[in-house]
Structure formats: C-alpha cells, structure tokens
Amino acid sequence: MTDAVRYETRGPAAWITLNRPEKLNALNKPVLEGLHAALDRAVADDEVKVVVVTGAGRAFSAGYDLADEAAGAYGAAHEWHHVLGVDIDATMRLWALPKPTIAAVRGYCLAGGCELAMACDMIVSGESGRFGEPEIRYGSGPVTLLMPFVLGQKKTNELLFTGDMIDAAAAERAGLVNRVVADDEVDAEVEALVRKIAPTPLPVLRLTKIALVRAFEAMGLREAVNTNLDLSSMLNAADTPEQREFMEITKGQGLKAALAWRDNRYGEVLGGAAS
C-alpha cells in the first residue's frame, strides 16, 4: 500500500483514508493503487464488517488530479478510454464491494471524489461538505455516471449541466447524503452506524450487499456506466478551444490559475477543486 492511502481498523470497521491533504486528496495513480490494496485487505479480513472511506485534512477529495492529466499525452479517444477505464475500475470496485461501505465526508467532495462517495452505500457528511461534479466547466464530464441513480433525473440534469456545487444540507435534502452533523462529530456518527451494522453475521451482510447491487444493476446502472465510458472518451478527446485553453493555463501557470480562469467564465469560484 502506498503512503497516499492509510489503512486502520477500529473495532469491526476498516477505515481507509485518502492521504494527499496538501492536494485536497486529489486522485492520482498512487491513490488509486493504494485504494485497491486497502480494499483487498478489508475484503480479506473477516473481522471487518464495514468499510469506511474518508479523506485526510480539510477535504474528502477534490477529484482527479488535473495537473497530472495536463502532463499526460492523451489525445485520441482510445487513449482516453484506457485512462478513464482505470478510474472507473476503482469506483466500481468500491460500488460492488461485498461489505457495507460508508463515506465520511468533510469539505470538498467533488468530481471523481464525489463519485467515490456515491459508490459507497451510505454517506455521512460534516457541515463543511461540498458536493458536485464541475467537470463540464472545462470540457469534461463525470467518469462514472452514478448520479442519475442516486439523485434521479431532474437534480442530476441541473448539477451536470451547470457544474454547480451544493452544500451538505442541500445534498441531504436531495438524497445524496444520509445525514449531516458537525464536522467534529462525523467519526462518532459513522461509528454509531458501524455499531448498528456489525452485529449482523458477515454472510448475511455480503448477500444483502449483493442483492442491493444487483437491484440497481438490473435498472441499468452498469450498462449506463459502460456506455458513459465510451462517450466520455470522445468528450475528453473533443479538443474544444476551452479544453485547450484550460490545459495550456494548467501547464504554463499552474492548476490554481486554470481553475480561476474556468470559474471566472461562470461568474463564481468553486474553491480550488482538482477536478
């Protein structure tokens, strides 16, 4: 496991912490590799009944690391298909994990980070939680299309067409978040949920999780995700003037300047998110 992800057990729960606080836990190759390794460890341990995913510092995750993306040589749709497929694999691994999962969120939970949280069975957010998928604002889109199945059509359409970010209270009203508590109470609230789940025998939890996953996949979730991968590959390879400008600013002036340019076009600041 890499230093980019921490793993610890707290009683019957495995706590997996994305550990790039200086980058708002932006997702890159070491983080994804560490996440896979941590999930392997949690699945193999029969003492672990619940898996909790959280972020170090002041954010859950601001999404995929756009500085890394700008440094890449991706251009053609088939190249994007491979890169985005790796991202989707990590999110869908969490989605189908054979144990209940909880996202413990504070601060930014955006783009690919929001997708990781949505892939969890439950989300507990601190009051500082901020959710959204702002990718459209620089010419990209959600990699793993889970939001329609979590929020429904109308709210998903609004968030994905505008790139807006919503606070924790709005996310709870929309059904994205199970409950909102003060930031310093998030761990205690998650641990209370764990205590309610843990007495159930592990085989029963596993079979219940399988049933829930299959119910959503019977509604087309997996097909939607796979189709979106094909379309996202073309979208990212579209090479629009805005995409080129964003990446050129990222390369020449840094990600912060590129995000400022992006947000200025929409008349607001989303707050330094990675993706």
Protein backbone atom coordinates (compact mmCIF):
# COMPACT_ATOMS: atom_id res chain seq x y z
CA MET A 1 0.00 0.00 0.00
CA THR A 2 1.29 3.49 -0.84
CA ASP A 3 1.63 6.42 1.57
CA ALA A 4 -1.14 8.08 -0.42
CA VAL A 5 -3.70 5.86 1.35
CA ARG A 6 -3.82 4.94 5.05
CA TYR A 7 -5.47 1.82 6.46
CA GLU A 8 -6.51 1.14 10.03
CA THR A 9 -9.07 -0.97 11.84
CA ARG A 10 -11.36 0.42 14.50
CA GLY A 11 -13.22 -2.50 16.00
CA PRO A 12 -15.34 -4.09 13.25
CA ALA A 13 -14.60 -1.34 10.71
CA ALA A 14 -11.72 -0.76 8.34
CA TRP A 15 -11.00 2.95 7.87
CA ILE A 16 -9.41 3.83 4.53
CA THR A 17 -8.08 7.39 4.38
CA LEU A 18 -7.11 9.18 1.16
CA ASN A 19 -3.89 10.85 2.23
CA ARG A 20 -2.88 13.75 0.00
CA PRO A 21 -4.17 16.59 2.18
CA GLU A 22 -1.89 19.17 0.56
CA LYS A 23 -3.65 18.40 -2.76
CA LEU A 24 -7.15 18.10 -1.25
CA ASN A 25 -6.75 14.34 -1.69
CA ALA A 26 -6.79 14.62 -5.46
CA LEU A 27 -6.92 11.19 -7.07
CA ASN A 28 -3.88 10.01 -8.99
CA LYS A 29 -2.20 6.67 -9.75
CA PRO A 30 -0.68 6.14 -6.26
CA VAL A 31 -4.03 6.93 -4.61
CA LEU A 32 -5.93 4.52 -6.85
CA GLU A 33 -3.34 1.79 -6.33
CA GLY A 34 -3.47 2.36 -2.58
CA LEU A 35 -7.25 2.28 -2.61
CA HIS A 36 -7.31 -1.08 -4.42
CA ALA A 37 -4.77 -2.51 -1.95
CA ALA A 38 -6.76 -1.25 1.03
CA LEU A 39 -9.99 -2.71 -0.33
CA ASP A 40 -8.24 -6.05 -0.90
CA ARG A 41 -7.14 -6.03 2.72
CA ALA A 42 -10.59 -5.13 4.04
CA VAL A 43 -12.34 -7.81 1.99
CA ALA A 44 -9.88 -10.49 3.10
CA ASP A 45 -10.32 -9.73 6.81
CA ASP A 46 -13.40 -11.47 8.18
CA GLU A 47 -13.18 -9.35 11.33
CA VAL A 48 -14.05 -6.33 9.20
CA LYS A 49 -17.81 -5.90 8.84
CA VAL A 50 -17.90 -2.35 7.44
CA VAL A 51 -15.51 -0.31 5.29
CA VAL A 52 -15.26 3.45 5.85
CA VAL A 53 -13.65 5.74 3.27
CA THR A 54 -12.60 9.26 4.24
CA GLY A 55 -10.05 11.94 3.42
CA ALA A 56 -7.19 13.45 5.40
CA GLY A 57 -7.22 17.15 6.19
CA ARG A 58 -9.91 19.55 5.03
CA ALA A 59 -11.36 17.61 2.09
CA PHE A 60 -12.74 14.20 1.23
CA SER A 61 -11.39 14.51 -2.31
CA ALA A 62 -11.48 17.30 -4.87
CA GLY A 63 -11.46 14.80 -7.73
CA TYR A 64 -8.93 13.53 -10.23
CA ASP A 65 -5.62 15.36 -10.30
CA LEU A 66 -5.84 17.67 -13.30
CA ALA A 67 -2.18 18.64 -13.04
CA ASP A 68 -1.30 15.00 -13.72
CA GLU A 69 -3.85 14.91 -16.52
CA ALA A 70 -2.40 18.02 -18.15
CA ALA A 71 1.06 16.48 -18.05
CA GLY A 72 -0.20 13.38 -19.87
CA ALA A 73 -0.07 12.86 -23.61
CA TYR A 74 -3.68 11.73 -24.03
CA GLY A 75 -5.40 12.91 -27.16
CA ALA A 76 -7.21 10.22 -29.08
CA ALA A 77 -10.44 8.73 -27.80
CA HIS A 78 -8.90 5.27 -27.48
CA GLU A 79 -6.19 6.67 -25.20
CA TRP A 80 -8.78 8.38 -23.02
CA HIS A 81 -10.80 5.16 -22.94
CA HIS A 82 -7.93 3.36 -21.21
CA VAL A 83 -7.20 6.20 -18.77
CA LEU A 84 -10.84 6.70 -17.79
CA GLY A 85 -11.36 2.94 -17.57
CA VAL A 86 -8.75 2.78 -14.81
CA ASP A 87 -10.61 5.49 -12.91
CA ILE A 88 -13.94 3.72 -13.31
CA ASP A 89 -12.48 0.40 -12.15
CA ALA A 90 -11.60 1.92 -8.77
CA THR A 91 -15.02 3.49 -8.26
CA MET A 92 -16.94 0.40 -9.34
CA ARG A 93 -14.72 -1.80 -7.16
CA LEU A 94 -15.96 0.23 -4.21
CA TRP A 95 -19.53 0.15 -5.51
CA ALA A 96 -19.59 -3.67 -5.66
CA LEU A 97 -17.51 -4.33 -2.55
CA PRO A 98 -19.08 -7.34 -0.73
CA LYS A 99 -19.31 -5.45 2.57
CA PRO A 100 -21.26 -2.34 3.57
CA THR A 101 -19.40 0.91 2.92
CA ILE A 102 -19.69 4.39 4.39
CA ALA A 103 -18.15 7.63 3.11
CA ALA A 104 -17.17 10.03 5.90
CA VAL A 105 -17.02 13.44 4.26
CA ARG A 106 -15.67 16.81 5.29
CA GLY A 107 -15.02 19.67 2.90
CA TYR A 108 -14.80 19.23 -0.85
CA CYS A 109 -16.27 16.04 -2.30
CA LEU A 110 -16.16 16.82 -5.99
CA ALA A 111 -15.92 15.15 -9.39
CA GLY A 112 -14.15 11.79 -9.07
CA GLY A 113 -14.19 12.23 -5.30
CA CYS A 114 -17.96 12.68 -5.36
CA GLU A 115 -18.21 9.52 -7.45
CA LEU A 116 -16.21 7.57 -4.86
CA ALA A 117 -18.55 8.81 -2.14
CA MET A 118 -21.64 7.97 -4.20
CA ALA A 119 -20.23 4.48 -4.77
CA CYS A 120 -20.42 3.93 -1.02
CA ASP A 121 -23.63 2.55 0.47
CA MET A 122 -24.05 5.49 2.85
CA ILE A 123 -22.63 9.00 3.21
CA VAL A 124 -22.21 10.87 6.48
CA SER A 125 -21.15 14.47 5.92
CA GLY A 126 -19.88 17.21 8.12
CA GLU A 127 -21.47 20.63 7.73
CA SER A 128 -18.47 21.69 5.66
CA GLY A 129 -19.24 19.07 2.98
CA ARG A 130 -19.46 20.40 -0.57
CA PHE A 131 -20.65 18.11 -3.36
CA GLY A 132 -20.73 18.35 -7.14
CA GLU A 133 -19.28 17.39 -10.49
CA PRO A 134 -17.88 20.58 -12.07
CA GLU A 135 -16.12 18.80 -14.94
CA ILE A 136 -18.35 20.30 -17.64
CA ARG A 137 -16.85 23.70 -16.86
CA TYR A 138 -13.57 22.81 -18.51
CA GLY A 139 -14.91 20.45 -21.15
CA SER A 140 -15.02 17.09 -19.42
CA GLY A 141 -17.74 15.07 -17.71
CA PRO A 142 -18.38 12.59 -14.89
CA VAL A 143 -16.27 9.48 -15.36
CA THR A 144 -18.56 7.08 -13.50
CA LEU A 145 -22.17 8.02 -14.17
CA LEU A 146 -23.70 7.14 -10.80
CA MET A 147 -25.53 10.38 -10.06
CA PRO A 148 -28.73 9.62 -12.04
CA PHE A 149 -29.24 6.52 -9.92
CA VAL A 150 -28.54 8.37 -6.66
CA LEU A 151 -30.40 11.64 -7.24
CA GLY A 152 -32.82 10.99 -10.07
CA GLN A 153 -33.19 12.78 -13.38
CA LYS A 154 -34.00 16.42 -12.68
CA LYS A 155 -31.45 17.22 -9.97
CA THR A 156 -28.77 15.27 -11.86
CA ASN A 157 -29.51 17.24 -15.02
CA GLU A 158 -29.18 20.52 -13.13
CA LEU A 159 -25.89 19.61 -11.46
CA LEU A 160 -24.24 18.08 -14.52
CA PHE A 161 -25.29 20.82 -16.97
CA THR A 162 -24.29 23.68 -14.63
CA GLY A 163 -21.33 22.16 -12.80
CA ASP A 164 -22.77 23.65 -9.61
CA MET A 165 -21.60 22.62 -6.17
CA ILE A 166 -24.10 22.11 -3.33
CA ASP A 167 -23.55 22.20 0.42
CA ALA A 168 -24.11 19.31 2.79
CA ALA A 169 -27.61 20.41 3.81
CA ALA A 170 -28.73 20.61 0.18
CA ALA A 171 -27.10 17.26 -0.53
CA GLU A 172 -29.08 15.71 2.33
CA ARG A 173 -32.34 17.19 1.04
CA ALA A 174 -31.58 15.83 -2.42
CA GLY A 175 -30.96 12.33 -1.08
CA LEU A 176 -27.24 12.28 -1.83
CA VAL A 177 -26.28 12.24 1.86
CA ASN A 178 -27.76 10.11 4.66
CA ARG A 179 -27.12 12.60 7.44
CA VAL A 180 -25.26 15.80 8.23
CA VAL A 181 -23.55 16.53 11.55
CA ALA A 182 -20.95 18.97 12.84
CA ASP A 183 -17.52 18.31 11.36
CA ASP A 184 -16.10 17.15 14.68
CA GLU A 185 -18.95 14.65 15.06
CA VAL A 186 -18.53 12.85 11.73
CA ASP A 187 -16.38 9.99 13.05
CA ALA A 188 -18.68 9.41 16.01
CA GLU A 189 -21.73 9.35 13.75
CA VAL A 190 -20.05 6.85 11.41
CA GLU A 191 -19.01 4.69 14.35
CA ALA A 192 -22.62 4.68 15.59
CA LEU A 193 -23.72 3.37 12.19
CA VAL A 194 -20.99 0.74 12.29
CA ARG A 195 -22.22 -0.44 15.69
CA LYS A 196 -25.73 -0.91 14.27
CA ILE A 197 -24.45 -2.90 11.28
CA ALA A 198 -21.72 -5.00 12.89
CA PRO A 199 -23.89 -7.45 14.90
CA THR A 200 -25.29 -8.88 11.66
CA PRO A 201 -23.40 -12.02 10.52
CA LEU A 202 -20.94 -11.35 7.72
CA PRO A 203 -22.55 -13.82 5.26
CA VAL A 204 -25.87 -12.00 5.70
CA LEU A 205 -24.23 -8.63 5.09
CA ARG A 206 -22.49 -9.96 1.98
CA LEU A 207 -25.68 -11.41 0.50
CA THR A 208 -27.66 -8.27 1.29
CA LYS A 209 -24.99 -6.17 -0.42
CA ILE A 210 -25.10 -8.41 -3.49
CA ALA A 211 -28.89 -8.09 -3.62
CA LEU A 212 -28.73 -4.29 -3.41
CA VAL A 213 -26.03 -4.05 -6.08
CA ARG A 214 -27.94 -6.34 -8.42
CA ALA A 215 -31.15 -4.37 -7.94
CA PHE A 216 -29.50 -1.21 -9.25
CA GLU A 217 -27.68 -3.06 -11.99
CA ALA A 218 -31.00 -4.59 -13.09
CA MET A 219 -32.14 -0.99 -13.57
CA GLY A 220 -29.23 -0.47 -15.95
CA LEU A 221 -26.57 1.10 -13.75
CA ARG A 222 -23.68 -0.99 -15.05
CA GLU A 223 -24.76 -0.52 -18.67
CA ALA A 224 -25.02 3.23 -18.11
CA VAL A 225 -21.52 3.36 -16.62
CA ASN A 226 -20.04 1.37 -19.51
CA THR A 227 -21.82 3.50 -22.12
CA ASN A 228 -20.67 6.66 -20.37
CA LEU A 229 -17.07 5.44 -20.57
CA ASP A 230 -17.36 5.31 -24.36
CA LEU A 231 -18.96 8.75 -24.54
CA SER A 232 -16.57 10.30 -22.00
CA SER A 233 -13.63 9.10 -24.09
CA MET A 234 -15.00 11.02 -27.07
CA LEU A 235 -15.89 14.01 -24.89
CA ASN A 236 -12.39 14.30 -23.46
CA ALA A 237 -10.91 13.94 -26.95
CA ALA A 238 -13.19 16.64 -28.41
CA ASP A 239 -10.32 19.19 -28.31
CA THR A 240 -12.54 22.24 -27.91
CA PRO A 241 -10.90 25.68 -27.61
CA GLU A 242 -11.93 25.78 -23.93
CA GLN A 243 -10.31 22.41 -23.23
CA ARG A 244 -7.09 23.53 -24.91
CA GLU A 245 -7.05 26.86 -23.05
CA PHE A 246 -7.62 25.19 -19.68
CA MET A 247 -4.81 22.71 -20.20
CA GLU A 248 -2.41 25.36 -21.55
CA ILE A 249 -3.00 27.54 -18.49
CA THR A 250 -2.50 24.50 -16.25
CA LYS A 251 0.81 23.71 -17.92
CA GLY A 252 2.07 27.28 -18.06
CA GLN A 253 0.67 28.93 -14.94
CA GLY A 254 -0.46 26.06 -12.73
CA LEU A 255 -3.75 24.47 -11.80
CA LYS A 256 -4.85 27.31 -9.49
CA ALA A 257 -4.71 29.80 -12.37
CA ALA A 258 -6.57 27.41 -14.67
CA LEU A 259 -9.33 26.93 -12.11
CA ALA A 260 -9.64 30.69 -11.66
CA TRP A 261 -9.96 31.08 -15.45
CA ARG A 262 -12.58 28.32 -15.53
CA ASP A 263 -14.68 29.70 -12.70
CA ASN A 264 -14.46 33.28 -13.97
CA ARG A 265 -16.26 32.16 -17.13
CA TYR A 266 -19.20 31.15 -14.92
CA GLY A 267 -19.06 34.19 -12.66
CA GLU A 268 -18.24 32.29 -9.48
CA VAL A 269 -15.47 30.47 -7.66
CA LEU A 270 -15.85 26.82 -6.77
CA GLY A 271 -12.87 26.92 -4.48
CA GLY A 272 -9.73 25.32 -5.87
CA ALA A 273 -11.08 21.86 -6.65
CA ALA A 274 -8.79 19.50 -8.51
CA SER A 275 -11.44 18.26 -10.94
